[in-house]
């Protein structure tokens, strides 16, 4: 007798020709390496990466938090597949010098993995 199992489904698959970042728990695709803006951010729980865009994430409610650069309105982002909190996004920023990071996503380095392309070309 064959046992039927429910497979994991993701909203978006990123092209296999690129290096990708994935959820460390369920391996759902999160971002292409080409969307990486910076690796120099520090979160309360360690290093974080700034991405221009990500896929397969949901967004929690916005709240004000005091971060290293001051008071900001941020929202946690989580994996749509396994609901693991992956990082945060800035909703609004008061500091003019920080406007680059507004509307971009931060993924905690410890919650994502980088996968190199396995193409033989």
PDB file of N, CA and C in Angstrom:
ATOM      1  N   UNK A   1       0.842  -1.175   0.000  1.00  0.00           N
ATOM      2  CA  UNK A   1       0.000   0.000   0.000  1.00  0.00           C
ATOM      3  C   UNK A   1       0.889   1.240   0.000  1.00  0.00           C
ATOM      4  N   UNK A   2       0.549   2.219  -0.825  1.00  0.00           N
ATOM      5  CA  UNK A   2       1.310   3.454  -0.924  1.00  0.00           C
ATOM      6  C   UNK A   2       0.705   4.478   0.020  1.00  0.00           C
ATOM      7  N   UNK A   3       1.541   5.052   0.843  1.00  0.00           N
ATOM      8  CA  UNK A   3       1.074   6.086   1.771  1.00  0.00           C
ATOM      9  C   UNK A   3       1.166   7.434   1.090  1.00  0.00           C
ATOM     10  N   UNK A   4       0.069   8.140   1.051  1.00  0.00           N
ATOM     11  CA  UNK A   4       0.036   9.467   0.431  1.00  0.00           C
ATOM     12  C   UNK A   4       0.485  10.499   1.468  1.00  0.00           C
ATOM     13  N   UNK A   5       1.395  11.357   1.076  1.00  0.00           N
ATOM     14  CA  UNK A   5       1.844  12.440   1.958  1.00  0.00           C
ATOM     15  C   UNK A   5       1.567  13.768   1.283  1.00  0.00           C
ATOM     16  N   UNK A   6       1.333  14.728   2.093  1.00  0.00           N
ATOM     17  CA  UNK A   6       1.091  16.066   1.581  1.00  0.00           C
ATOM     18  C   UNK A   6       2.427  16.766   1.382  1.00  0.00           C
ATOM     19  N   UNK A   7       2.693  17.176   0.165  1.00  0.00           N
ATOM     20  CA  UNK A   7       3.963  17.849  -0.111  1.00  0.00           C
ATOM     21  C   UNK A   7       3.857  19.331   0.224  1.00  0.00           C
ATOM     22  N   UNK A   8       5.000  19.928   0.468  1.00  0.00           N
ATOM     23  CA  UNK A   8       5.043  21.355   0.752  1.00  0.00           C
ATOM     24  C   UNK A   8       4.876  22.124  -0.555  1.00  0.00           C
ATOM     25  N   UNK A   9       4.086  23.154  -0.517  1.00  0.00           N
ATOM     26  CA  UNK A   9       3.932  23.994  -1.700  1.00  0.00           C
ATOM     27  C   UNK A   9       4.381  25.397  -1.362  1.00  0.00           C
ATOM     28  N   UNK A  10       5.037  26.019  -2.311  1.00  0.00           N
ATOM     29  CA  UNK A  10       5.530  27.377  -2.134  1.00  0.00           C
ATOM     30  C   UNK A  10       4.840  28.279  -3.131  1.00  0.00           C
ATOM     31  N   UNK A  11       4.754  29.541  -2.833  1.00  0.00           N
ATOM     32  CA  UNK A  11       4.118  30.485  -3.739  1.00  0.00           C
ATOM     33  C   UNK A  11       4.987  30.767  -4.957  1.00  0.00           C
ATOM     34  N   UNK A  12       6.269  30.829  -4.773  1.00  0.00           N
ATOM     35  CA  UNK A  12       7.148  31.195  -5.879  1.00  0.00           C
ATOM     36  C   UNK A  12       8.437  30.389  -5.810  1.00  0.00           C
ATOM     37  N   UNK A  13       8.890  29.933  -6.963  1.00  0.00           N
ATOM     38  CA  UNK A  13      10.192  29.289  -7.092  1.00  0.00           C
ATOM     39  C   UNK A  13      11.093  30.246  -7.857  1.00  0.00           C
ATOM     40  N   UNK A  14      12.291  30.422  -7.366  1.00  0.00           N
ATOM     41  CA  UNK A  14      13.241  31.303  -8.035  1.00  0.00           C
ATOM     42  C   UNK A  14      14.028  30.503  -9.058  1.00  0.00           C
ATOM     43  N   UNK A  15      14.496  31.138 -10.100  1.00  0.00           N
ATOM     44  CA  UNK A  15      15.248  30.425 -11.152  1.00  0.00           C
ATOM     45  C   UNK A  15      16.439  29.673 -10.571  1.00  0.00           C
ATOM     46  N   UNK A  16      16.652  28.457 -11.044  1.00  0.00           N
ATOM     47  CA  UNK A  16      17.738  27.638 -10.509  1.00  0.00           C
ATOM     48  C   UNK A  16      19.117  28.093 -10.984  1.00  0.00           C
ATOM     49  N   UNK A  17      19.163  29.009 -11.921  1.00  0.00           N
ATOM     50  CA  UNK A  17      20.471  29.468 -12.417  1.00  0.00           C
ATOM     51  C   UNK A  17      21.103  30.520 -11.495  1.00  0.00           C
ATOM     52  N   UNK A  18      20.373  30.999 -10.498  1.00  0.00           N
ATOM     53  CA  UNK A  18      20.891  32.013  -9.586  1.00  0.00           C
ATOM     54  C   UNK A  18      21.203  31.394  -8.226  1.00  0.00           C
ATOM     55  N   UNK A  19      22.056  32.064  -7.485  1.00  0.00           N
ATOM     56  CA  UNK A  19      22.241  31.721  -6.082  1.00  0.00           C
ATOM     57  C   UNK A  19      21.004  32.228  -5.354  1.00  0.00           C
ATOM     58  N   UNK A  20      20.479  31.433  -4.441  1.00  0.00           N
ATOM     59  CA  UNK A  20      19.248  31.811  -3.751  1.00  0.00           C
ATOM     60  C   UNK A  20      19.413  31.713  -2.238  1.00  0.00           C
ATOM     61  N   UNK A  21      18.580  32.449  -1.530  1.00  0.00           N
ATOM     62  CA  UNK A  21      18.468  32.353  -0.079  1.00  0.00           C
ATOM     63  C   UNK A  21      17.132  31.691   0.216  1.00  0.00           C
ATOM     64  N   UNK A  22      17.139  30.740   1.167  1.00  0.00           N
ATOM     65  CA  UNK A  22      15.951  29.966   1.483  1.00  0.00           C
ATOM     66  C   UNK A  22      15.723  29.925   2.981  1.00  0.00           C
ATOM     67  N   UNK A  23      14.489  29.597   3.378  1.00  0.00           N
ATOM     68  CA  UNK A  23      14.159  29.425   4.796  1.00  0.00           C
ATOM     69  C   UNK A  23      14.963  28.255   5.341  1.00  0.00           C
ATOM     70  N   UNK A  24      15.584  28.421   6.486  1.00  0.00           N
ATOM     71  CA  UNK A  24      16.429  27.373   7.050  1.00  0.00           C
ATOM     72  C   UNK A  24      15.609  26.182   7.531  1.00  0.00           C
ATOM     73  N   UNK A  25      14.316  26.390   7.818  1.00  0.00           N
ATOM     74  CA  UNK A  25      13.481  25.309   8.336  1.00  0.00           C
ATOM     75  C   UNK A  25      12.790  24.495   7.251  1.00  0.00           C
ATOM     76  N   UNK A  26      12.223  25.148   6.241  1.00  0.00           N
ATOM     77  CA  UNK A  26      11.443  24.417   5.236  1.00  0.00           C
ATOM     78  C   UNK A  26      12.013  24.526   3.825  1.00  0.00           C
ATOM     79  N   UNK A  27      13.081  25.300   3.656  1.00  0.00           N
ATOM     80  CA  UNK A  27      13.765  25.474   2.368  1.00  0.00           C
ATOM     81  C   UNK A  27      12.955  26.240   1.321  1.00  0.00           C
ATOM     82  N   UNK A  28      11.930  26.943   1.729  1.00  0.00           N
ATOM     83  CA  UNK A  28      11.165  27.779   0.785  1.00  0.00           C
ATOM     84  C   UNK A  28      12.080  28.868   0.245  1.00  0.00           C
ATOM     85  N   UNK A  29      12.018  29.131  -1.033  1.00  0.00           N
ATOM     86  CA  UNK A  29      12.820  30.195  -1.635  1.00  0.00           C
ATOM     87  C   UNK A  29      12.407  31.538  -1.050  1.00  0.00           C
ATOM     88  N   UNK A  30      13.413  32.395  -0.792  1.00  0.00           N
ATOM     89  CA  UNK A  30      13.156  33.725  -0.234  1.00  0.00           C
ATOM     90  C   UNK A  30      13.664  34.842  -1.131  1.00  0.00           C
ATOM     91  N   UNK A  31      14.866  34.700  -1.662  1.00  0.00           N
ATOM     92  CA  UNK A  31      15.429  35.795  -2.456  1.00  0.00           C
ATOM     93  C   UNK A  31      16.546  35.303  -3.362  1.00  0.00           C
ATOM     94  N   UNK A  32      16.719  35.987  -4.473  1.00  0.00           N
ATOM     95  CA  UNK A  32      17.879  35.784  -5.343  1.00  0.00           C
ATOM     96  C   UNK A  32      19.042  36.583  -4.788  1.00  0.00           C
ATOM     97  N   UNK A  33      20.239  36.093  -4.993  1.00  0.00           N
ATOM     98  CA  UNK A  33      21.438  36.812  -4.557  1.00  0.00           C
ATOM     99  C   UNK A  33      21.519  38.193  -5.224  1.00  0.00           C
ATOM    100  N   UNK A  34      20.980  38.314  -6.428  1.00  0.00           N
ATOM    101  CA  UNK A  34      21.000  39.598  -7.146  1.00  0.00           C
ATOM    102  C   UNK A  34      20.201  40.683  -6.421  1.00  0.00           C
ATOM    103  N   UNK A  35      19.274  40.303  -5.551  1.00  0.00           N
ATOM    104  CA  UNK A  35      18.452  41.260  -4.813  1.00  0.00           C
ATOM    105  C   UNK A  35      19.106  41.717  -3.501  1.00  0.00           C
ATOM    106  N   UNK A  36      20.262  41.144  -3.160  1.00  0.00           N
ATOM    107  CA  UNK A  36      20.980  41.502  -1.934  1.00  0.00           C
ATOM    108  C   UNK A  36      21.576  42.896  -2.062  1.00  0.00           C
ATOM    109  N   UNK A  37      21.240  43.777  -1.127  1.00  0.00           N
ATOM    110  CA  UNK A  37      21.762  45.142  -1.118  1.00  0.00           C
ATOM    111  C   UNK A  37      22.937  45.257  -0.155  1.00  0.00           C
ATOM    112  N   UNK A  38      22.797  44.672   1.040  1.00  0.00           N
ATOM    113  CA  UNK A  38      23.839  44.827   2.054  1.00  0.00           C
ATOM    114  C   UNK A  38      23.824  43.667   3.040  1.00  0.00           C
ATOM    115  N   UNK A  39      25.021  43.323   3.535  1.00  0.00           N
ATOM    116  CA  UNK A  39      25.159  42.328   4.596  1.00  0.00           C
ATOM    117  C   UNK A  39      25.593  42.992   5.904  1.00  0.00           C
ATOM    118  N   UNK A  40      25.572  44.299   5.953  1.00  0.00           N
ATOM    119  CA  UNK A  40      26.165  45.012   7.094  1.00  0.00           C
ATOM    120  C   UNK A  40      25.149  45.475   8.134  1.00  0.00           C
ATOM    121  N   UNK A  41      23.980  44.859   8.188  1.00  0.00           N
ATOM    122  CA  UNK A  41      22.992  45.241   9.194  1.00  0.00           C
ATOM    123  C   UNK A  41      23.093  44.329  10.408  1.00  0.00           C
ATOM    124  N   UNK A  42      22.780  44.888  11.561  1.00  0.00           N
ATOM    125  CA  UNK A  42      22.831  44.151  12.810  1.00  0.00           C
ATOM    126  C   UNK A  42      21.460  44.206  13.453  1.00  0.00           C
ATOM    127  N   UNK A  43      20.858  43.048  13.694  1.00  0.00           N
ATOM    128  CA  UNK A  43      19.584  42.972  14.396  1.00  0.00           C
ATOM    129  C   UNK A  43      19.821  42.672  15.863  1.00  0.00           C
ATOM    130  N   UNK A  44      18.757  42.614  16.631  1.00  0.00           N
ATOM    131  CA  UNK A  44      18.892  42.340  18.062  1.00  0.00           C
ATOM    132  C   UNK A  44      19.389  40.920  18.319  1.00  0.00           C
ATOM    133  N   UNK A  45      19.205  40.014  17.334  1.00  0.00           N
ATOM    134  CA  UNK A  45      19.616  38.625  17.509  1.00  0.00           C
ATOM    135  C   UNK A  45      20.758  38.233  16.579  1.00  0.00           C
ATOM    136  N   UNK A  46      21.455  39.218  16.030  1.00  0.00           N
ATOM    137  CA  UNK A  46      22.595  38.904  15.181  1.00  0.00           C
ATOM    138  C   UNK A  46      22.549  39.601  13.838  1.00  0.00           C
ATOM    139  N   UNK A  47      23.401  39.146  12.932  1.00  0.00           N
ATOM    140  CA  UNK A  47      23.555  39.749  11.618  1.00  0.00           C
ATOM    141  C   UNK A  47      22.287  39.592  10.782  1.00  0.00           C
ATOM    142  N   UNK A  48      22.042  40.588   9.925  1.00  0.00           N
ATOM    143  CA  UNK A  48      20.887  40.555   9.027  1.00  0.00           C
ATOM    144  C   UNK A  48      21.297  41.082   7.665  1.00  0.00           C
ATOM    145  N   UNK A  49      20.618  40.629   6.624  1.00  0.00           N
ATOM    146  CA  UNK A  49      20.874  41.044   5.256  1.00  0.00           C
ATOM    147  C   UNK A  49      19.736  41.908   4.756  1.00  0.00           C
ATOM    148  N   UNK A  50      20.059  42.932   3.982  1.00  0.00           N
ATOM    149  CA  UNK A  50      19.062  43.818   3.391  1.00  0.00           C
ATOM    150  C   UNK A  50      18.844  43.409   1.943  1.00  0.00           C
ATOM    151  N   UNK A  51      17.594  43.108   1.596  1.00  0.00           N
ATOM    152  CA  UNK A  51      17.230  42.711   0.240  1.00  0.00           C
ATOM    153  C   UNK A  51      16.290  43.734  -0.367  1.00  0.00           C
ATOM    154  N   UNK A  52      16.399  43.911  -1.667  1.00  0.00           N
ATOM    155  CA  UNK A  52      15.493  44.778  -2.404  1.00  0.00           C
ATOM    156  C   UNK A  52      14.096  44.166  -2.458  1.00  0.00           C
ATOM    157  N   UNK A  53      14.024  42.852  -2.701  1.00  0.00           N
ATOM    158  CA  UNK A  53      12.725  42.170  -2.724  1.00  0.00           C
ATOM    159  C   UNK A  53      12.899  40.719  -2.306  1.00  0.00           C
ATOM    160  N   UNK A  54      11.847  40.163  -1.735  1.00  0.00           N
ATOM    161  CA  UNK A  54      11.820  38.768  -1.305  1.00  0.00           C
ATOM    162  C   UNK A  54      10.491  38.153  -1.731  1.00  0.00           C
ATOM    163  N   UNK A  55      10.426  36.826  -1.735  1.00  0.00           N
ATOM    164  CA  UNK A  55       9.201  36.109  -2.077  1.00  0.00           C
ATOM    165  C   UNK A  55       8.859  35.145  -0.949  1.00  0.00           C
ATOM    166  N   UNK A  56       7.643  34.665  -0.953  1.00  0.00           N
ATOM    167  CA  UNK A  56       7.167  33.660   0.001  1.00  0.00           C
ATOM    168  C   UNK A  56       7.232  34.112   1.454  1.00  0.00           C
ATOM    169  N   UNK A  57       7.019  35.390   1.692  1.00  0.00           N
ATOM    170  CA  UNK A  57       6.988  35.910   3.057  1.00  0.00           C
ATOM    171  C   UNK A  57       5.672  36.622   3.317  1.00  0.00           C
ATOM    172  N   UNK A  58       5.248  36.570   4.567  1.00  0.00           N
ATOM    173  CA  UNK A  58       4.092  37.327   5.019  1.00  0.00           C
ATOM    174  C   UNK A  58       4.571  38.440   5.914  1.00  0.00           C
ATOM    175  N   UNK A  59       3.687  39.350   6.203  1.00  0.00           N
ATOM    176  CA  UNK A  59       4.055  40.532   6.980  1.00  0.00           C
ATOM    177  C   UNK A  59       3.126  40.681   8.174  1.00  0.00           C
ATOM    178  N   UNK A  60       3.724  40.861   9.346  1.00  0.00           N
ATOM    179  CA  UNK A  60       2.951  41.089  10.556  1.00  0.00           C
ATOM    180  C   UNK A  60       2.555  42.549  10.672  1.00  0.00           C
ATOM    181  N   UNK A  61       1.903  42.904  11.780  1.00  0.00           N
ATOM    182  CA  UNK A  61       1.481  44.294  11.975  1.00  0.00           C
ATOM    183  C   UNK A  61       2.672  45.219  12.242  1.00  0.00           C
ATOM    184  N   UNK A  62       2.530  46.459  11.827  1.00  0.00           N
ATOM    185  CA  UNK A  62       3.585  47.455  12.054  1.00  0.00           C
ATOM    186  C   UNK A  62       3.586  47.864  13.519  1.00  0.00           C
ATOM    187  N   UNK A  63       4.781  48.110  14.041  1.00  0.00           N
ATOM    188  CA  UNK A  63       4.924  48.596  15.410  1.00  0.00           C
ATOM    189  C   UNK A  63       6.186  49.446  15.493  1.00  0.00           C
ATOM    190  N   UNK A  64       6.211  50.340  16.451  1.00  0.00           N
ATOM    191  CA  UNK A  64       7.389  51.184  16.638  1.00  0.00           C
ATOM    192  C   UNK A  64       8.412  50.451  17.489  1.00  0.00           C
ATOM    193  N   UNK A  65       9.670  50.496  17.048  1.00  0.00           N
ATOM    194  CA  UNK A  65      10.765  49.868  17.789  1.00  0.00           C
ATOM    195  C   UNK A  65      11.952  50.812  17.802  1.00  0.00           C
ATOM    196  N   UNK A  66      12.682  50.776  18.893  1.00  0.00           N
ATOM    197  CA  UNK A  66      13.927  51.532  18.976  1.00  0.00           C
ATOM    198  C   UNK A  66      15.030  50.616  18.467  1.00  0.00           C
ATOM    199  N   UNK A  67      15.614  50.972  17.338  1.00  0.00           N
ATOM    200  CA  UNK A  67      16.704  50.219  16.727  1.00  0.00           C
ATOM    201  C   UNK A  67      18.000  50.999  16.898  1.00  0.00           C
ATOM    202  N   UNK A  68      19.104  50.457  16.422  1.00  0.00           N
ATOM    203  CA  UNK A  68      20.397  51.125  16.566  1.00  0.00           C
ATOM    204  C   UNK A  68      20.409  52.509  15.943  1.00  0.00           C
ATOM    205  N   UNK A  69      19.605  52.714  14.888  1.00  0.00           N
ATOM    206  CA  UNK A  69      19.571  54.004  14.198  1.00  0.00           C
ATOM    207  C   UNK A  69      18.429  54.903  14.659  1.00  0.00           C
ATOM    208  N   UNK A  70      17.731  54.506  15.728  1.00  0.00           N
ATOM    209  CA  UNK A  70      16.667  55.335  16.266  1.00  0.00           C
ATOM    210  C   UNK A  70      15.317  54.646  16.255  1.00  0.00           C
ATOM    211  N   UNK A  71      14.256  55.441  16.411  1.00  0.00           N
ATOM    212  CA  UNK A  71      12.887  54.934  16.469  1.00  0.00           C
ATOM    213  C   UNK A  71      12.342  54.757  15.056  1.00  0.00           C
ATOM    214  N   UNK A  72      11.854  53.552  14.750  1.00  0.00           N
ATOM    215  CA  UNK A  72      11.330  53.257  13.418  1.00  0.00           C
ATOM    216  C   UNK A  72      10.034  52.452  13.533  1.00  0.00           C
ATOM    217  N   UNK A  73       9.171  52.569  12.536  1.00  0.00           N
ATOM    218  CA  UNK A  73       8.002  51.709  12.429  1.00  0.00           C
ATOM    219  C   UNK A  73       8.418  50.523  11.567  1.00  0.00           C
ATOM    220  N   UNK A  74       8.371  49.322  12.145  1.00  0.00           N
ATOM    221  CA  UNK A  74       8.786  48.114  11.443  1.00  0.00           C
ATOM    222  C   UNK A  74       7.707  47.041  11.582  1.00  0.00           C
ATOM    223  N   UNK A  75       7.773  46.055  10.712  1.00  0.00           N
ATOM    224  CA  UNK A  75       6.875  44.903  10.780  1.00  0.00           C
ATOM    225  C   UNK A  75       7.704  43.646  10.598  1.00  0.00           C
ATOM    226  N   UNK A  76       7.441  42.625  11.398  1.00  0.00           N
ATOM    227  CA  UNK A  76       8.130  41.355  11.233  1.00  0.00           C
ATOM    228  C   UNK A  76       7.677  40.702   9.935  1.00  0.00           C
ATOM    229  N   UNK A  77       8.589  39.989   9.289  1.00  0.00           N
ATOM    230  CA  UNK A  77       8.223  39.186   8.126  1.00  0.00           C
ATOM    231  C   UNK A  77       8.483  37.728   8.475  1.00  0.00           C
ATOM    232  N   UNK A  78       7.652  36.846   7.955  1.00  0.00           N
ATOM    233  CA  UNK A  78       7.732  35.436   8.288  1.00  0.00           C
ATOM    234  C   UNK A  78       7.574  34.584   7.032  1.00  0.00           C
ATOM    235  N   UNK A  79       8.046  33.352   7.104  1.00  0.00           N
ATOM    236  CA  UNK A  79       7.934  32.404   6.002  1.00  0.00           C
ATOM    237  C   UNK A  79       6.467  32.026   5.834  1.00  0.00           C
ATOM    238  N   UNK A  80       5.944  32.149   4.629  1.00  0.00           N
ATOM    239  CA  UNK A  80       4.553  31.789   4.359  1.00  0.00           C
ATOM    240  C   UNK A  80       4.308  30.295   4.516  1.00  0.00           C
ATOM    241  N   UNK A  81       5.339  29.493   4.351  1.00  0.00           N
ATOM    242  CA  UNK A  81       5.164  28.052   4.412  1.00  0.00           C
ATOM    243  C   UNK A  81       5.169  27.519   5.843  1.00  0.00           C
ATOM    244  N   UNK A  82       6.191  27.868   6.628  1.00  0.00           N
ATOM    245  CA  UNK A  82       6.321  27.295   7.974  1.00  0.00           C
ATOM    246  C   UNK A  82       6.087  28.299   9.096  1.00  0.00           C
ATOM    247  N   UNK A  83       5.847  29.557   8.746  1.00  0.00           N
ATOM    248  CA  UNK A  83       5.533  30.637   9.701  1.00  0.00           C
ATOM    249  C   UNK A  83       6.695  31.028  10.606  1.00  0.00           C
ATOM    250  N   UNK A  84       7.928  30.656  10.265  1.00  0.00           N
ATOM    251  CA  UNK A  84       9.105  31.075  11.025  1.00  0.00           C
ATOM    252  C   UNK A  84       9.361  32.560  10.802  1.00  0.00           C
ATOM    253  N   UNK A  85       9.583  33.301  11.871  1.00  0.00           N
ATOM    254  CA  UNK A  85       9.932  34.713  11.733  1.00  0.00           C
ATOM    255  C   UNK A  85      11.322  34.799  11.119  1.00  0.00           C
ATOM    256  N   UNK A  86      11.418  35.519   9.996  1.00  0.00           N
ATOM    257  CA  UNK A  86      12.658  35.592   9.235  1.00  0.00           C
ATOM    258  C   UNK A  86      13.405  36.904   9.408  1.00  0.00           C
ATOM    259  N   UNK A  87      12.704  37.952   9.745  1.00  0.00           N
ATOM    260  CA  UNK A  87      13.340  39.259   9.837  1.00  0.00           C
ATOM    261  C   UNK A  87      12.301  40.340   9.975  1.00  0.00           C
ATOM    262  N   UNK A  88      12.576  41.507   9.382  1.00  0.00           N
ATOM    263  CA  UNK A  88      11.658  42.627   9.487  1.00  0.00           C
ATOM    264  C   UNK A  88      11.748  43.494   8.251  1.00  0.00           C
ATOM    265  N   UNK A  89      10.770  44.362   8.101  1.00  0.00           N
ATOM    266  CA  UNK A  89      10.841  45.395   7.066  1.00  0.00           C
ATOM    267  C   UNK A  89      10.493  46.718   7.718  1.00  0.00           C
ATOM    268  N   UNK A  90      11.115  47.769   7.205  1.00  0.00           N
ATOM    269  CA  UNK A  90      10.809  49.106   7.680  1.00  0.00           C
ATOM    270  C   UNK A  90       9.524  49.579   7.017  1.00  0.00           C
ATOM    271  N   UNK A  91       8.591  50.093   7.810  1.00  0.00           N
ATOM    272  CA  UNK A  91       7.344  50.625   7.274  1.00  0.00           C
ATOM    273  C   UNK A  91       7.489  52.119   7.051  1.00  0.00           C
ATOM    274  N   UNK A  92       8.070  52.815   8.019  1.00  0.00           N
ATOM    275  CA  UNK A  92       8.362  54.243   7.844  1.00  0.00           C
ATOM    276  C   UNK A  92       9.585  54.609   8.668  1.00  0.00           C
ATOM    277  N   UNK A  93      10.306  55.596   8.162  1.00  0.00           N
ATOM    278  CA  UNK A  93      11.558  56.023   8.774  1.00  0.00           C
ATOM    279  C   UNK A  93      11.557  57.536   8.890  1.00  0.00           C
ATOM    280  N   UNK A  94      11.931  58.033  10.044  1.00  0.00           N
ATOM    281  CA  UNK A  94      11.988  59.474  10.269  1.00  0.00           C
ATOM    282  C   UNK A  94      13.307  60.052   9.764  1.00  0.00           C
ATOM    283  N   UNK A  95      14.384  59.307   9.920  1.00  0.00           N
ATOM    284  CA  UNK A  95      15.730  59.752   9.554  1.00  0.00           C
ATOM    285  C   UNK A  95      15.889  59.827   8.037  1.00  0.00           C
ATOM    286  N   UNK A  96      16.213  60.996   7.477  1.00  0.00           N
ATOM    287  CA  UNK A  96      16.395  61.165   6.039  1.00  0.00           C
ATOM    288  C   UNK A  96      17.574  60.349   5.517  1.00  0.00           C
ATOM    289  N   UNK A  97      18.624  60.249   6.293  1.00  0.00           N
ATOM    290  CA  UNK A  97      19.810  59.506   5.860  1.00  0.00           C
ATOM    291  C   UNK A  97      19.530  58.006   5.756  1.00  0.00           C
ATOM    292  N   UNK A  98      18.453  57.549   6.384  1.00  0.00           N
ATOM    293  CA  UNK A  98      18.118  56.126   6.384  1.00  0.00           C
ATOM    294  C   UNK A  98      17.068  55.771   5.337  1.00  0.00           C
ATOM    295  N   UNK A  99      16.728  56.678   4.452  1.00  0.00           N
ATOM    296  CA  UNK A  99      15.637  56.442   3.508  1.00  0.00           C
ATOM    297  C   UNK A  99      15.903  55.297   2.539  1.00  0.00           C
ATOM    298  N   UNK A 100      17.169  54.925   2.318  1.00  0.00           N
ATOM    299  CA  UNK A 100      17.493  53.806   1.440  1.00  0.00           C
ATOM    300  C   UNK A 100      16.851  52.512   1.917  1.00  0.00           C
ATOM    301  N   UNK A 101      16.785  52.286   3.212  1.00  0.00           N
ATOM    302  CA  UNK A 101      16.317  51.013   3.735  1.00  0.00           C
ATOM    303  C   UNK A 101      14.800  50.930   3.869  1.00  0.00           C
ATOM    304  N   UNK A 102      14.099  52.036   3.675  1.00  0.00           N
ATOM    305  CA  UNK A 102      12.643  51.996   3.768  1.00  0.00           C
ATOM    306  C   UNK A 102      12.078  51.142   2.641  1.00  0.00           C
ATOM    307  N   UNK A 103      11.125  50.315   2.950  1.00  0.00           N
ATOM    308  CA  UNK A 103      10.421  49.412   2.031  1.00  0.00           C
ATOM    309  C   UNK A 103      11.277  48.234   1.577  1.00  0.00           C
ATOM    310  N   UNK A 104      12.477  48.088   2.097  1.00  0.00           N
ATOM    311  CA  UNK A 104      13.296  46.921   1.790  1.00  0.00           C
ATOM    312  C   UNK A 104      13.169  45.916   2.926  1.00  0.00           C
ATOM    313  N   UNK A 105      13.546  44.678   2.665  1.00  0.00           N
ATOM    314  CA  UNK A 105      13.377  43.596   3.630  1.00  0.00           C
ATOM    315  C   UNK A 105      14.707  43.189   4.238  1.00  0.00           C
ATOM    316  N   UNK A 106      14.691  42.893   5.532  1.00  0.00           N
ATOM    317  CA  UNK A 106      15.862  42.390   6.238  1.00  0.00           C
ATOM    318  C   UNK A 106      15.587  40.944   6.622  1.00  0.00           C
ATOM    319  N   UNK A 107      16.469  40.040   6.242  1.00  0.00           N
ATOM    320  CA  UNK A 107      16.371  38.645   6.654  1.00  0.00           C
ATOM    321  C   UNK A 107      17.486  38.373   7.644  1.00  0.00           C
ATOM    322  N   UNK A 108      17.145  37.737   8.753  1.00  0.00           N
ATOM    323  CA  UNK A 108      18.160  37.379   9.730  1.00  0.00           C
ATOM    324  C   UNK A 108      19.048  36.304   9.130  1.00  0.00           C
ATOM    325  N   UNK A 109      20.330  36.494   9.223  1.00  0.00           N
ATOM    326  CA  UNK A 109      21.279  35.556   8.624  1.00  0.00           C
ATOM    327  C   UNK A 109      21.102  34.153   9.197  1.00  0.00           C
ATOM    328  N   UNK A 110      20.785  34.044  10.470  1.00  0.00           N
ATOM    329  CA  UNK A 110      20.643  32.741  11.104  1.00  0.00           C
ATOM    330  C   UNK A 110      19.379  32.008  10.675  1.00  0.00           C
ATOM    331  N   UNK A 111      18.439  32.702  10.052  1.00  0.00           N
ATOM    332  CA  UNK A 111      17.173  32.088   9.651  1.00  0.00           C
ATOM    333  C   UNK A 111      17.087  31.791   8.164  1.00  0.00           C
ATOM    334  N   UNK A 112      18.141  32.049   7.424  1.00  0.00           N
ATOM    335  CA  UNK A 112      18.135  31.778   5.983  1.00  0.00           C
ATOM    336  C   UNK A 112      19.418  31.068   5.599  1.00  0.00           C
ATOM    337  N   UNK A 113      19.356  30.329   4.509  1.00  0.00           N
ATOM    338  CA  UNK A 113      20.536  29.646   4.007  1.00  0.00           C
ATOM    339  C   UNK A 113      20.786  30.073   2.584  1.00  0.00           C
ATOM    340  N   UNK A 114      22.032  30.073   2.190  1.00  0.00           N
ATOM    341  CA  UNK A 114      22.408  30.441   0.826  1.00  0.00           C
ATOM    342  C   UNK A 114      22.715  29.169   0.065  1.00  0.00           C
ATOM    343  N   UNK A 115      22.099  29.019  -1.084  1.00  0.00           N
ATOM    344  CA  UNK A 115      22.313  27.838  -1.911  1.00  0.00           C
ATOM    345  C   UNK A 115      22.938  28.264  -3.221  1.00  0.00           C
ATOM    346  N   UNK A 116      24.068  27.652  -3.541  1.00  0.00           N
ATOM    347  CA  UNK A 116      24.734  27.914  -4.799  1.00  0.00           C
ATOM    348  C   UNK A 116      24.034  27.134  -5.900  1.00  0.00           C
ATOM    349  N   UNK A 117      24.058  27.656  -7.088  1.00  0.00           N
ATOM    350  CA  UNK A 117      23.484  26.964  -8.233  1.00  0.00           C
ATOM    351  C   UNK A 117      24.230  25.665  -8.484  1.00  0.00           C
ATOM    352  N   UNK A 118      23.490  24.627  -8.854  1.00  0.00           N
ATOM    353  CA  UNK A 118      24.109  23.328  -9.132  1.00  0.00           C
ATOM    354  C   UNK A 118      24.175  23.053 -10.633  1.00  0.00           C
ATOM    355  N   UNK A 119      24.071  24.091 -11.423  1.00  0.00           N
ATOM    356  CA  UNK A 119      24.102  23.942 -12.880  1.00  0.00           C
ATOM    357  C   UNK A 119      25.477  23.487 -13.332  1.00  0.00           C
ATOM    358  N   UNK A 120      25.516  22.620 -14.350  1.00  0.00           N
ATOM    359  CA  UNK A 120      26.787  22.141 -14.883  1.00  0.00           C
ATOM    360  C   UNK A 120      27.279  22.963 -16.041  1.00  0.00           C
ATOM    361  N   UNK A 121      26.558  24.004 -16.438  1.00  0.00           N
ATOM    362  CA  UNK A 121      26.943  24.843 -17.591  1.00  0.00           C
ATOM    363  C   UNK A 121      28.140  25.677 -17.267  1.00  0.00           C
TER     364      UNK A 121
END
